[in-house]
Amino acid sequence: MMNGDHSWGMGWGFPFFGPVFWILIVIGIVYFVRWLVSGKEDGVQESLLDILKRRYARGEIDRDTFERMKKEIEP
């Protein structure tokens, strides 16, 4: 009875789940590599002064706040 048709070996699902498993592995590797590369594309991170200038340009902060914060972040 152990060697009958009820074993857990290569049953009807293996031809479907085997390739799906490997496709998911490849997709995972591709996304992992893209994630690694995306953080290092330009190699330059935006500085605090750049963020501050952008906020001032958008009108999120006024001139006095801009000048005060600029003095705080400059060495």
C-alpha atoms as a PDB file:
ATOM      1  CA  MET A   1       0.000   0.000   0.000  1.00  0.00           C
ATOM      2  CA  MET A   2       2.911   2.394   0.584  1.00  0.00           C
ATOM      3  CA  ASN A   3       4.045   2.284  -3.034  1.00  0.00           C
ATOM      4  CA  GLY A   4       0.575   2.870  -4.414  1.00  0.00           C
ATOM      5  CA  ASP A   5      -0.814   5.957  -6.104  1.00  0.00           C
ATOM      6  CA  HIS A   6      -1.173   7.813  -2.807  1.00  0.00           C
ATOM      7  CA  SER A   7       2.467   8.770  -2.277  1.00  0.00           C
ATOM      8  CA  TRP A   8       3.646  12.350  -1.773  1.00  0.00           C
ATOM      9  CA  GLY A   9       6.268  12.151  -4.505  1.00  0.00           C
ATOM     10  CA  MET A  10       5.924  13.749  -7.917  1.00  0.00           C
ATOM     11  CA  GLY A  11       2.163  13.943  -8.054  1.00  0.00           C
ATOM     12  CA  TRP A  12      -0.119  15.886 -10.360  1.00  0.00           C
ATOM     13  CA  GLY A  13       0.931  19.253  -8.886  1.00  0.00           C
ATOM     14  CA  PHE A  14       4.661  19.015  -9.464  1.00  0.00           C
ATOM     15  CA  PRO A  15       4.613  19.928 -13.160  1.00  0.00           C
ATOM     16  CA  PHE A  16       2.764  23.123 -12.221  1.00  0.00           C
ATOM     17  CA  PHE A  17       4.288  24.112  -8.872  1.00  0.00           C
ATOM     18  CA  GLY A  18       7.896  23.341  -9.809  1.00  0.00           C
ATOM     19  CA  PRO A  19       8.126  25.967 -12.574  1.00  0.00           C
ATOM     20  CA  VAL A  20       6.052  28.439 -10.541  1.00  0.00           C
ATOM     21  CA  PHE A  21       8.506  28.059  -7.663  1.00  0.00           C
ATOM     22  CA  TRP A  22      11.501  28.849  -9.884  1.00  0.00           C
ATOM     23  CA  ILE A  23       9.728  31.759 -11.573  1.00  0.00           C
ATOM     24  CA  LEU A  24       9.016  33.269  -8.151  1.00  0.00           C
ATOM     25  CA  ILE A  25      12.656  32.794  -7.157  1.00  0.00           C
ATOM     26  CA  VAL A  26      13.866  34.587 -10.308  1.00  0.00           C
ATOM     27  CA  ILE A  27      11.370  37.434  -9.813  1.00  0.00           C
ATOM     28  CA  GLY A  28      12.519  37.788  -6.217  1.00  0.00           C
ATOM     29  CA  ILE A  29      16.165  37.994  -7.277  1.00  0.00           C
ATOM     30  CA  VAL A  30      15.344  40.613  -9.939  1.00  0.00           C
ATOM     31  CA  TYR A  31      13.479  42.785  -7.424  1.00  0.00           C
ATOM     32  CA  PHE A  32      16.276  42.411  -4.881  1.00  0.00           C
ATOM     33  CA  VAL A  33      18.915  43.515  -7.398  1.00  0.00           C
ATOM     34  CA  ARG A  34      16.752  46.448  -8.523  1.00  0.00           C
ATOM     35  CA  TRP A  35      16.323  47.474  -4.877  1.00  0.00           C
ATOM     36  CA  LEU A  36      20.094  47.382  -4.323  1.00  0.00           C
ATOM     37  CA  VAL A  37      20.851  49.360  -7.474  1.00  0.00           C
ATOM     38  CA  SER A  38      18.104  51.966  -6.998  1.00  0.00           C
ATOM     39  CA  GLY A  39      19.659  53.236  -3.778  1.00  0.00           C
ATOM     40  CA  LYS A  40      23.040  53.749  -5.419  1.00  0.00           C
ATOM     41  CA  GLU A  41      22.131  55.088  -8.863  1.00  0.00           C
ATOM     42  CA  ASP A  42      23.267  58.656  -8.469  1.00  0.00           C
ATOM     43  CA  GLY A  43      25.532  58.082  -5.482  1.00  0.00           C
ATOM     44  CA  VAL A  44      24.615  61.497  -4.057  1.00  0.00           C
ATOM     45  CA  GLN A  45      22.049  61.945  -1.349  1.00  0.00           C
ATOM     46  CA  GLU A  46      20.101  65.147  -1.033  1.00  0.00           C
ATOM     47  CA  SER A  47      21.619  67.443   1.569  1.00  0.00           C
ATOM     48  CA  LEU A  48      19.689  69.128   4.346  1.00  0.00           C
ATOM     49  CA  LEU A  49      20.276  72.488   2.697  1.00  0.00           C
ATOM     50  CA  ASP A  50      18.780  71.223  -0.564  1.00  0.00           C
ATOM     51  CA  ILE A  51      15.692  70.016   1.281  1.00  0.00           C
ATOM     52  CA  LEU A  52      15.430  73.341   3.070  1.00  0.00           C
ATOM     53  CA  LYS A  53      15.737  75.280  -0.209  1.00  0.00           C
ATOM     54  CA  ARG A  54      13.058  73.133  -1.806  1.00  0.00           C
ATOM     55  CA  ARG A  55      10.674  73.700   1.108  1.00  0.00           C
ATOM     56  CA  TYR A  56      11.282  77.462   0.916  1.00  0.00           C
ATOM     57  CA  ALA A  57      10.697  77.451  -2.836  1.00  0.00           C
ATOM     58  CA  ARG A  58       7.375  75.631  -2.369  1.00  0.00           C
ATOM     59  CA  GLY A  59       6.275  78.151   0.225  1.00  0.00           C
ATOM     60  CA  GLU A  60       6.163  75.659   3.077  1.00  0.00           C
ATOM     61  CA  ILE A  61       8.340  77.918   5.234  1.00  0.00           C
ATOM     62  CA  ASP A  62       8.866  81.684   5.324  1.00  0.00           C
ATOM     63  CA  ARG A  63      12.159  83.554   4.879  1.00  0.00           C
ATOM     64  CA  ASP A  64      12.806  83.983   8.617  1.00  0.00           C
ATOM     65  CA  THR A  65      12.331  80.271   9.227  1.00  0.00           C
ATOM     66  CA  PHE A  66      14.532  79.472   6.232  1.00  0.00           C
ATOM     67  CA  GLU A  67      17.361  81.689   7.506  1.00  0.00           C
ATOM     68  CA  ARG A  68      17.090  80.346  11.073  1.00  0.00           C
ATOM     69  CA  MET A  69      17.116  76.724   9.955  1.00  0.00           C
ATOM     70  CA  LYS A  70      19.952  77.388   7.498  1.00  0.00           C
ATOM     71  CA  LYS A  71      22.111  78.732  10.336  1.00  0.00           C
ATOM     72  CA  GLU A  72      21.321  75.656  12.414  1.00  0.00           C
ATOM     73  CA  ILE A  73      22.435  73.170   9.773  1.00  0.00           C
ATOM     74  CA  GLU A  74      25.537  74.973   8.535  1.00  0.00           C
ATOM     75  CA  PRO A  75      28.776  74.082  10.299  1.00  0.00           C
END
